[in-house]
Amino acid sequence: MIWPVNPVKPTGQSMKKLLIIITCIASLALAACSPRIIHKIDVQQGNVVTQTQVNQLEPGMNRSQVRFIMGSPMVADVFHQNRWDYIYLFQPGYGESVEKRVTLFFDDDMLARLDGTFRPGDPIPEGEANIRQTGLIVPPEERIEPGILNKLWHYITFRKPGEKDYQVEK
């Protein structure tokens, strides 16, 4: 006699496990199709040094003139006070990193020589010619109505709400 085979009905617990397994396999398959799963950001560190700045440097400039052109140095070593290092590192999310370095040497607080990836008098690269200086635009101050305590203070001190606490002599 042949026994009838009763198929096993899936229970709620096994259905949940099956659904979790199918979801994980589908997620892995979709992730494998993507060439870049993680987004990497571009990282810039240090002083932005350009060939234009280096071309403006001349031997015999004092420290304040050099600071005006180049900005404050990234590394001002306490043990080597006659040396300023300007280091710039650009690490794109995908690609090779770029490091630029300029070291300035001073004798008696005057620029003596420089060393690094930039040389004075080298031609300015194409992309650098289009770099513009950015400025900060400050919007005008908005007038805010004074609160009740502010009004009370002006009433007590006999001043008008727009009047300043001090007088500027001309």
N, C-alpha and C. Protein backbone atom coordinates (compact mmCIF):
# COMPACT_ATOMS: atom_id res chain seq x y z
N MET A 1 0.83 -1.16 0.00
CA MET A 1 0.00 0.00 0.00
C MET A 1 0.89 1.24 0.00
N ILE A 2 0.48 2.18 -0.78
CA ILE A 2 1.23 3.43 -0.89
C ILE A 2 0.58 4.44 0.04
N TRP A 3 1.43 4.98 0.84
CA TRP A 3 0.94 5.97 1.78
C TRP A 3 0.84 7.34 1.11
N PRO A 4 -0.22 8.01 1.33
CA PRO A 4 -0.31 9.36 0.74
C PRO A 4 0.64 10.31 1.46
N VAL A 5 1.32 11.10 0.65
CA VAL A 5 2.28 12.06 1.20
C VAL A 5 1.55 13.36 1.49
N ASN A 6 1.60 13.73 2.70
CA ASN A 6 0.98 15.00 3.09
C ASN A 6 2.05 16.09 3.03
N PRO A 7 1.86 17.03 2.16
CA PRO A 7 2.84 18.11 2.12
C PRO A 7 2.80 18.91 3.42
N VAL A 8 3.99 19.32 3.84
CA VAL A 8 4.08 20.08 5.08
C VAL A 8 3.71 21.53 4.77
N LYS A 9 2.75 22.01 5.47
CA LYS A 9 2.33 23.39 5.26
C LYS A 9 3.29 24.29 6.03
N PRO A 10 3.75 25.35 5.35
CA PRO A 10 4.66 26.26 6.06
C PRO A 10 3.90 27.00 7.17
N THR A 11 4.57 27.09 8.27
CA THR A 11 3.98 27.82 9.38
C THR A 11 4.37 29.29 9.27
N GLY A 12 3.80 30.10 10.14
CA GLY A 12 4.09 31.53 10.13
C GLY A 12 5.55 31.82 10.43
N GLN A 13 6.17 31.04 11.30
CA GLN A 13 7.57 31.23 11.69
C GLN A 13 8.50 30.95 10.51
N SER A 14 8.26 29.87 9.79
CA SER A 14 9.13 29.54 8.67
C SER A 14 8.93 30.52 7.51
N MET A 15 7.75 31.06 7.36
CA MET A 15 7.49 32.06 6.31
C MET A 15 8.28 33.34 6.58
N LYS A 16 8.36 33.71 7.84
CA LYS A 16 9.13 34.91 8.20
C LYS A 16 10.60 34.71 7.90
N LYS A 17 11.13 33.52 8.22
CA LYS A 17 12.54 33.23 7.94
C LYS A 17 12.80 33.25 6.45
N LEU A 18 11.90 32.67 5.68
CA LEU A 18 12.05 32.64 4.23
C LEU A 18 12.01 34.06 3.65
N LEU A 19 11.14 34.89 4.16
CA LEU A 19 11.03 36.27 3.70
C LEU A 19 12.31 37.06 4.03
N ILE A 20 12.88 36.84 5.20
CA ILE A 20 14.12 37.50 5.59
C ILE A 20 15.27 37.06 4.68
N ILE A 21 15.35 35.79 4.40
CA ILE A 21 16.42 35.27 3.52
C ILE A 21 16.30 35.84 2.12
N ILE A 22 15.09 35.88 1.59
CA ILE A 22 14.88 36.43 0.24
C ILE A 22 15.23 37.92 0.21
N THR A 23 14.88 38.66 1.24
CA THR A 23 15.20 40.09 1.31
C THR A 23 16.70 40.31 1.36
N CYS A 24 17.40 39.51 2.14
CA CYS A 24 18.87 39.65 2.23
C CYS A 24 19.53 39.33 0.90
N ILE A 25 19.10 38.29 0.23
CA ILE A 25 19.69 37.93 -1.07
C ILE A 25 19.42 39.02 -2.10
N ALA A 26 18.23 39.58 -2.11
CA ALA A 26 17.90 40.65 -3.05
C ALA A 26 18.72 41.91 -2.77
N SER A 27 18.93 42.23 -1.49
CA SER A 27 19.73 43.41 -1.13
C SER A 27 21.18 43.23 -1.57
N LEU A 28 21.74 42.05 -1.34
CA LEU A 28 23.12 41.79 -1.78
C LEU A 28 23.24 41.83 -3.29
N ALA A 29 22.26 41.33 -3.99
CA ALA A 29 22.30 41.36 -5.46
C ALA A 29 22.25 42.80 -5.98
N LEU A 30 21.41 43.63 -5.36
CA LEU A 30 21.34 45.03 -5.78
C LEU A 30 22.63 45.78 -5.44
N ALA A 31 23.21 45.51 -4.28
CA ALA A 31 24.45 46.16 -3.87
C ALA A 31 25.60 45.75 -4.77
N ALA A 32 25.60 44.54 -5.26
CA ALA A 32 26.66 44.07 -6.14
C ALA A 32 26.61 44.76 -7.49
N CYS A 33 25.44 45.20 -7.89
CA CYS A 33 25.30 45.89 -9.18
C CYS A 33 25.85 47.31 -9.13
N SER A 34 25.88 47.90 -7.98
CA SER A 34 26.34 49.28 -7.84
C SER A 34 27.86 49.32 -7.82
N PRO A 35 28.50 50.16 -8.67
CA PRO A 35 29.96 50.20 -8.67
C PRO A 35 30.53 50.87 -7.42
N ARG A 36 29.84 51.84 -6.87
CA ARG A 36 30.32 52.55 -5.69
C ARG A 36 29.21 52.57 -4.64
N ILE A 37 29.41 51.76 -3.65
CA ILE A 37 28.39 51.68 -2.61
C ILE A 37 28.52 52.85 -1.65
N ILE A 38 29.76 53.18 -1.29
CA ILE A 38 30.01 54.22 -0.30
C ILE A 38 30.42 55.50 -1.01
N HIS A 39 29.81 56.62 -0.64
CA HIS A 39 30.19 57.91 -1.21
C HIS A 39 31.36 58.47 -0.43
N LYS A 40 32.43 58.81 -1.12
CA LYS A 40 33.60 59.40 -0.48
C LYS A 40 33.66 60.88 -0.84
N ILE A 41 33.87 61.73 0.14
CA ILE A 41 33.91 63.16 -0.11
C ILE A 41 35.33 63.61 -0.42
N ASP A 42 35.45 64.75 -1.07
CA ASP A 42 36.75 65.36 -1.33
C ASP A 42 37.22 66.05 -0.05
N VAL A 43 38.50 65.89 0.27
CA VAL A 43 39.05 66.48 1.49
C VAL A 43 40.18 67.43 1.11
N GLN A 44 40.08 68.67 1.56
CA GLN A 44 41.13 69.67 1.38
C GLN A 44 41.67 70.03 2.75
N GLN A 45 43.00 70.02 2.87
CA GLN A 45 43.62 70.38 4.14
C GLN A 45 44.78 71.31 3.90
N GLY A 46 44.98 72.25 4.79
CA GLY A 46 46.14 73.12 4.74
C GLY A 46 45.85 74.44 4.05
N ASN A 47 46.94 75.11 3.66
CA ASN A 47 46.86 76.40 2.98
C ASN A 47 46.76 76.16 1.48
N VAL A 48 45.84 76.85 0.83
CA VAL A 48 45.78 76.79 -0.62
C VAL A 48 46.87 77.70 -1.15
N VAL A 49 47.86 77.10 -1.80
CA VAL A 49 49.00 77.84 -2.33
C VAL A 49 48.92 77.79 -3.85
N THR A 50 49.03 78.94 -4.49
CA THR A 50 48.96 79.01 -5.95
C THR A 50 50.28 79.53 -6.51
N GLN A 51 50.47 79.27 -7.79
CA GLN A 51 51.67 79.75 -8.46
C GLN A 51 51.69 81.27 -8.51
N THR A 52 50.53 81.90 -8.57
CA THR A 52 50.45 83.36 -8.57
C THR A 52 51.03 83.94 -7.29
N GLN A 53 50.71 83.31 -6.15
CA GLN A 53 51.25 83.78 -4.88
C GLN A 53 52.76 83.63 -4.84
N VAL A 54 53.26 82.49 -5.28
CA VAL A 54 54.71 82.24 -5.24
C VAL A 54 55.44 83.19 -6.17
N ASN A 55 54.84 83.54 -7.30
CA ASN A 55 55.48 84.48 -8.23
C ASN A 55 55.59 85.88 -7.64
N GLN A 56 54.75 86.23 -6.67
CA GLN A 56 54.80 87.55 -6.05
C GLN A 56 55.90 87.66 -5.00
N LEU A 57 56.41 86.53 -4.53
CA LEU A 57 57.45 86.55 -3.50
C LEU A 57 58.79 86.98 -4.09
N GLU A 58 59.51 87.79 -3.34
CA GLU A 58 60.83 88.25 -3.76
C GLU A 58 61.78 88.16 -2.57
N PRO A 59 63.04 87.83 -2.81
CA PRO A 59 64.00 87.81 -1.71
C PRO A 59 64.11 89.20 -1.08
N GLY A 60 64.22 89.23 0.25
CA GLY A 60 64.33 90.50 0.95
C GLY A 60 63.03 91.00 1.53
N MET A 61 61.91 90.32 1.24
CA MET A 61 60.63 90.72 1.82
C MET A 61 60.64 90.38 3.31
N ASN A 62 59.99 91.22 4.12
CA ASN A 62 59.90 90.90 5.54
C ASN A 62 58.74 89.94 5.80
N ARG A 63 58.64 89.48 7.03
CA ARG A 63 57.65 88.46 7.37
C ARG A 63 56.21 88.95 7.16
N SER A 64 55.94 90.20 7.46
CA SER A 64 54.57 90.70 7.31
C SER A 64 54.18 90.78 5.83
N GLN A 65 55.12 91.13 4.97
CA GLN A 65 54.82 91.17 3.53
C GLN A 65 54.55 89.76 3.01
N VAL A 66 55.35 88.79 3.47
CA VAL A 66 55.13 87.41 3.05
C VAL A 66 53.80 86.90 3.57
N ARG A 67 53.46 87.23 4.81
CA ARG A 67 52.19 86.80 5.39
C ARG A 67 51.02 87.42 4.64
N PHE A 68 51.18 88.66 4.16
CA PHE A 68 50.12 89.32 3.39
C PHE A 68 49.86 88.57 2.08
N ILE A 69 50.92 88.11 1.44
CA ILE A 69 50.78 87.42 0.15
C ILE A 69 50.33 85.98 0.34
N MET A 70 50.97 85.26 1.26
CA MET A 70 50.76 83.81 1.38
C MET A 70 49.73 83.42 2.44
N GLY A 71 49.46 84.32 3.39
CA GLY A 71 48.62 83.96 4.52
C GLY A 71 49.48 83.39 5.64
N SER A 72 48.85 83.05 6.74
CA SER A 72 49.58 82.48 7.86
C SER A 72 50.07 81.08 7.51
N PRO A 73 51.27 80.73 7.94
CA PRO A 73 51.79 79.41 7.58
C PRO A 73 51.04 78.29 8.30
N MET A 74 50.96 77.15 7.63
CA MET A 74 50.32 75.99 8.23
C MET A 74 51.16 75.48 9.40
N VAL A 75 52.47 75.47 9.22
CA VAL A 75 53.37 74.98 10.26
C VAL A 75 54.40 76.06 10.54
N ALA A 76 54.40 76.59 11.75
CA ALA A 76 55.44 77.52 12.20
C ALA A 76 56.11 76.83 13.38
N ASP A 77 57.24 76.20 13.11
CA ASP A 77 57.92 75.37 14.09
C ASP A 77 58.63 76.24 15.13
N VAL A 78 58.46 75.88 16.39
CA VAL A 78 59.08 76.63 17.48
C VAL A 78 60.59 76.45 17.45
N PHE A 79 61.05 75.28 17.04
CA PHE A 79 62.47 74.99 17.03
C PHE A 79 63.18 75.54 15.79
N HIS A 80 62.42 75.82 14.74
CA HIS A 80 62.98 76.40 13.52
C HIS A 80 62.18 77.66 13.19
N GLN A 81 62.45 78.74 13.90
CA GLN A 81 61.64 79.94 13.74
C GLN A 81 61.94 80.68 12.45
N ASN A 82 62.99 80.34 11.76
CA ASN A 82 63.32 80.99 10.49
C ASN A 82 62.79 80.18 9.31
N ARG A 83 61.81 79.32 9.57
CA ARG A 83 61.27 78.47 8.51
C ARG A 83 59.75 78.43 8.63
N TRP A 84 59.06 78.70 7.52
CA TRP A 84 57.61 78.58 7.46
C TRP A 84 57.27 77.53 6.43
N ASP A 85 56.34 76.65 6.77
CA ASP A 85 55.90 75.60 5.85
C ASP A 85 54.44 75.83 5.49
N TYR A 86 54.19 75.84 4.21
CA TYR A 86 52.83 75.91 3.67
C TYR A 86 52.56 74.58 2.99
N ILE A 87 51.60 73.84 3.53
CA ILE A 87 51.31 72.50 3.02
C ILE A 87 49.84 72.47 2.59
N TYR A 88 49.59 71.92 1.40
CA TYR A 88 48.23 71.79 0.88
C TYR A 88 48.05 70.36 0.42
N LEU A 89 46.99 69.72 0.89
CA LEU A 89 46.69 68.35 0.51
C LEU A 89 45.25 68.29 0.02
N PHE A 90 45.09 67.77 -1.19
CA PHE A 90 43.75 67.58 -1.75
C PHE A 90 43.58 66.11 -2.03
N GLN A 91 42.61 65.50 -1.35
CA GLN A 91 42.34 64.09 -1.50
C GLN A 91 40.94 63.93 -2.07
N PRO A 92 40.83 63.68 -3.39
CA PRO A 92 39.49 63.48 -3.94
C PRO A 92 38.91 62.15 -3.46
N GLY A 93 37.60 62.06 -3.45
CA GLY A 93 36.95 60.83 -3.01
C GLY A 93 37.39 59.64 -3.83
N TYR A 94 37.50 59.83 -5.13
CA TYR A 94 37.95 58.77 -6.02
C TYR A 94 39.03 59.35 -6.90
N GLY A 95 40.23 58.90 -6.75
CA GLY A 95 41.35 59.40 -7.54
C GLY A 95 42.58 59.54 -6.68
N GLU A 96 43.62 60.07 -7.30
CA GLU A 96 44.89 60.22 -6.60
C GLU A 96 44.94 61.55 -5.87
N SER A 97 45.60 61.55 -4.71
CA SER A 97 45.71 62.77 -3.92
C SER A 97 46.81 63.66 -4.47
N VAL A 98 46.67 64.97 -4.23
CA VAL A 98 47.63 65.96 -4.69
C VAL A 98 48.18 66.67 -3.46
N GLU A 99 49.50 66.73 -3.35
CA GLU A 99 50.13 67.43 -2.25
C GLU A 99 51.04 68.51 -2.81
N LYS A 100 50.87 69.71 -2.33
CA LYS A 100 51.71 70.83 -2.73
C LYS A 100 52.35 71.40 -1.47
N ARG A 101 53.60 71.77 -1.58
CA ARG A 101 54.34 72.19 -0.40
C ARG A 101 55.27 73.33 -0.79
N VAL A 102 55.32 74.34 0.07
CA VAL A 102 56.26 75.45 -0.08
C VAL A 102 56.87 75.71 1.29
N THR A 103 58.20 75.75 1.33
CA THR A 103 58.92 76.06 2.56
C THR A 103 59.69 77.34 2.34
N LEU A 104 59.46 78.33 3.22
CA LEU A 104 60.13 79.62 3.12
C LEU A 104 61.16 79.72 4.23
N PHE A 105 62.35 80.20 3.88
CA PHE A 105 63.43 80.36 4.85
C PHE A 105 63.75 81.84 5.00
N PHE A 106 63.92 82.28 6.24
CA PHE A 106 64.18 83.68 6.54
C PHE A 106 65.57 83.83 7.17
N ASP A 107 66.25 84.93 6.84
CA ASP A 107 67.48 85.35 7.51
C ASP A 107 67.26 86.76 8.02
N ASP A 108 67.37 86.97 9.32
CA ASP A 108 67.14 88.28 9.94
C ASP A 108 65.77 88.85 9.57
N ASP A 109 64.74 88.01 9.64
CA ASP A 109 63.36 88.38 9.33
C ASP A 109 63.14 88.85 7.90
N MET A 110 64.02 88.47 7.00
CA MET A 110 63.88 88.76 5.57
C MET A 110 63.85 87.44 4.81
N LEU A 111 63.01 87.35 3.79
CA LEU A 111 62.90 86.14 3.00
C LEU A 111 64.22 85.88 2.28
N ALA A 112 64.81 84.71 2.52
CA ALA A 112 66.09 84.37 1.90
C ALA A 112 65.90 83.45 0.70
N ARG A 113 65.12 82.39 0.88
CA ARG A 113 64.92 81.43 -0.22
C ARG A 113 63.66 80.65 0.04
N LEU A 114 63.22 79.91 -0.98
CA LEU A 114 62.08 79.04 -0.83
C LEU A 114 62.36 77.71 -1.49
N ASP A 115 61.65 76.70 -1.02
CA ASP A 115 61.83 75.35 -1.52
C ASP A 115 60.46 74.68 -1.58
N GLY A 116 60.29 73.71 -2.45
CA GLY A 116 59.03 72.98 -2.50
C GLY A 116 58.63 72.66 -3.92
N THR A 117 57.33 72.39 -4.11
CA THR A 117 56.82 71.99 -5.42
C THR A 117 56.64 73.18 -6.36
N PHE A 118 56.61 74.38 -5.84
CA PHE A 118 56.49 75.58 -6.67
C PHE A 118 57.85 76.23 -6.82
N ARG A 119 58.09 76.83 -7.97
CA ARG A 119 59.31 77.60 -8.22
C ARG A 119 58.90 79.00 -8.66
N PRO A 120 59.58 80.04 -8.16
CA PRO A 120 59.23 81.40 -8.59
C PRO A 120 59.49 81.57 -10.08
N GLY A 121 58.59 82.24 -10.74
CA GLY A 121 58.75 82.53 -12.16
C GLY A 121 58.17 81.47 -13.08
N ASP A 122 57.69 80.34 -12.54
CA ASP A 122 57.05 79.33 -13.38
C ASP A 122 55.76 79.89 -13.94
N PRO A 123 55.35 79.43 -15.12
CA PRO A 123 54.09 79.94 -15.70
C PRO A 123 52.89 79.52 -14.84
N ILE A 124 51.87 80.35 -14.91
CA ILE A 124 50.64 80.10 -14.15
C ILE A 124 49.80 79.09 -14.92
N PRO A 125 49.35 78.00 -14.28
CA PRO A 125 48.52 77.01 -14.97
C PRO A 125 47.21 77.60 -15.45
N GLU A 126 46.60 76.96 -16.44
CA GLU A 126 45.35 77.45 -17.05
C GLU A 126 44.23 77.60 -16.02
N GLY A 127 43.98 76.58 -15.22
CA GLY A 127 42.87 76.62 -14.27
C GLY A 127 43.05 77.65 -13.18
N GLU A 128 44.30 77.96 -12.84
CA GLU A 128 44.56 78.90 -11.76
C GLU A 128 44.29 80.34 -12.17
N ALA A 129 44.36 80.63 -13.45
CA ALA A 129 44.13 82.00 -13.91
C ALA A 129 42.68 82.43 -13.68
N ASN A 130 41.77 81.45 -13.60
CA ASN A 130 40.35 81.78 -13.43
C ASN A 130 39.91 81.83 -11.98
N ILE A 131 40.83 81.59 -11.04
CA ILE A 131 40.47 81.62 -9.63
C ILE A 131 40.23 83.06 -9.21
N ARG A 132 39.08 83.29 -8.58
CA ARG A 132 38.74 84.63 -8.12
C ARG A 132 38.74 84.66 -6.62
N GLN A 133 39.03 85.82 -6.07
CA GLN A 133 38.94 85.99 -4.63
C GLN A 133 37.47 86.15 -4.27
N THR A 134 37.07 85.56 -3.17
CA THR A 134 35.69 85.69 -2.72
C THR A 134 35.64 86.67 -1.56
N GLY A 135 34.55 87.35 -1.46
CA GLY A 135 34.37 88.31 -0.38
C GLY A 135 33.17 87.93 0.46
N LEU A 136 33.07 88.55 1.58
CA LEU A 136 31.96 88.29 2.48
C LEU A 136 31.01 89.47 2.42
N ILE A 137 29.77 89.21 2.13
CA ILE A 137 28.76 90.25 2.06
C ILE A 137 27.92 90.16 3.32
N VAL A 138 27.92 91.24 4.08
CA VAL A 138 27.16 91.27 5.32
C VAL A 138 25.88 92.05 5.07
N PRO A 139 24.72 91.43 5.30
CA PRO A 139 23.47 92.14 5.06
C PRO A 139 23.29 93.24 6.09
N PRO A 140 22.53 94.27 5.74
CA PRO A 140 22.30 95.35 6.71
C PRO A 140 21.53 94.81 7.92
N GLU A 141 21.76 95.46 9.04
CA GLU A 141 21.14 95.02 10.28
C GLU A 141 19.65 95.35 10.24
N GLU A 142 18.85 94.36 10.59
CA GLU A 142 17.41 94.56 10.60
C GLU A 142 16.98 95.18 11.93
N ARG A 143 15.98 96.00 11.87
CA ARG A 143 15.45 96.66 13.07
C ARG A 143 14.45 95.73 13.73
N ILE A 144 14.71 95.41 14.98
CA ILE A 144 13.82 94.55 15.74
C ILE A 144 13.15 95.41 16.81
N GLU A 145 11.86 95.28 16.93
CA GLU A 145 11.11 96.05 17.92
C GLU A 145 11.59 95.66 19.32
N PRO A 146 11.85 96.64 20.17
CA PRO A 146 12.30 96.32 21.52
C PRO A 146 11.17 95.68 22.33
N GLY A 147 11.57 94.81 23.27
CA GLY A 147 10.61 94.13 24.12
C GLY A 147 10.15 95.04 25.26
N ILE A 148 9.29 94.50 26.10
CA ILE A 148 8.71 95.30 27.17
C ILE A 148 9.76 95.72 28.20
N LEU A 149 10.74 94.83 28.51
CA LEU A 149 11.78 95.18 29.46
C LEU A 149 12.70 96.26 28.89
N ASN A 150 12.98 96.18 27.61
CA ASN A 150 13.82 97.17 26.96
C ASN A 150 13.12 98.53 26.97
N LYS A 151 11.84 98.54 26.69
CA LYS A 151 11.08 99.80 26.72
C LYS A 151 11.06 100.38 28.13
N LEU A 152 10.90 99.52 29.12
CA LEU A 152 10.89 99.97 30.51
C LEU A 152 12.24 100.56 30.90
N TRP A 153 13.31 99.92 30.47
CA TRP A 153 14.66 100.44 30.76
C TRP A 153 14.87 101.82 30.13
N HIS A 154 14.45 102.01 28.91
CA HIS A 154 14.59 103.31 28.26
C HIS A 154 13.72 104.37 28.93
N TYR A 155 12.56 103.96 29.44
CA TYR A 155 11.69 104.88 30.14
C TYR A 155 12.35 105.33 31.45
N ILE A 156 12.96 104.40 32.16
CA ILE A 156 13.60 104.71 33.44
C ILE A 156 14.83 105.59 33.24
N THR A 157 15.62 105.34 32.19
CA THR A 157 16.87 106.09 31.96
C THR A 157 16.65 107.33 31.10
N PHE A 158 15.43 107.67 30.75
CA PHE A 158 15.09 108.86 29.96
C PHE A 158 15.77 108.86 28.59
N ARG A 159 15.86 107.74 27.97
CA ARG A 159 16.43 107.67 26.62
C ARG A 159 15.39 107.14 25.66
N LYS A 160 15.58 107.50 24.40
CA LYS A 160 14.70 107.00 23.36
C LYS A 160 15.18 105.60 22.95
N PRO A 161 14.30 104.76 22.45
CA PRO A 161 14.70 103.40 22.09
C PRO A 161 15.81 103.32 21.05
N GLY A 162 15.93 104.26 20.15
CA GLY A 162 16.98 104.21 19.13
C GLY A 162 18.28 104.86 19.56
N GLU A 163 18.28 105.53 20.70
CA GLU A 163 19.44 106.28 21.16
C GLU A 163 20.51 105.34 21.72
N LYS A 164 21.78 105.63 21.42
CA LYS A 164 22.89 104.80 21.89
C LYS A 164 23.25 105.17 23.32
N ASP A 165 23.97 104.25 23.98
CA ASP A 165 24.38 104.46 25.35
C ASP A 165 25.57 105.41 25.46
N TYR A 166 26.25 105.64 24.37
CA TYR A 166 27.47 106.46 24.42
C TYR A 166 27.46 107.45 23.26
N GLN A 167 28.27 108.47 23.36
CA GLN A 167 28.40 109.46 22.31
C GLN A 167 29.79 109.34 21.70
N VAL A 168 29.86 109.34 20.38
CA VAL A 168 31.16 109.28 19.70
C VAL A 168 31.55 110.70 19.35
N GLU A 169 32.77 111.09 19.81
CA GLU A 169 33.24 112.43 19.49
C GLU A 169 33.84 112.46 18.11
N LYS A 170 33.59 113.53 17.41
CA LYS A 170 34.09 113.66 16.04
C LYS A 170 35.29 114.55 16.00
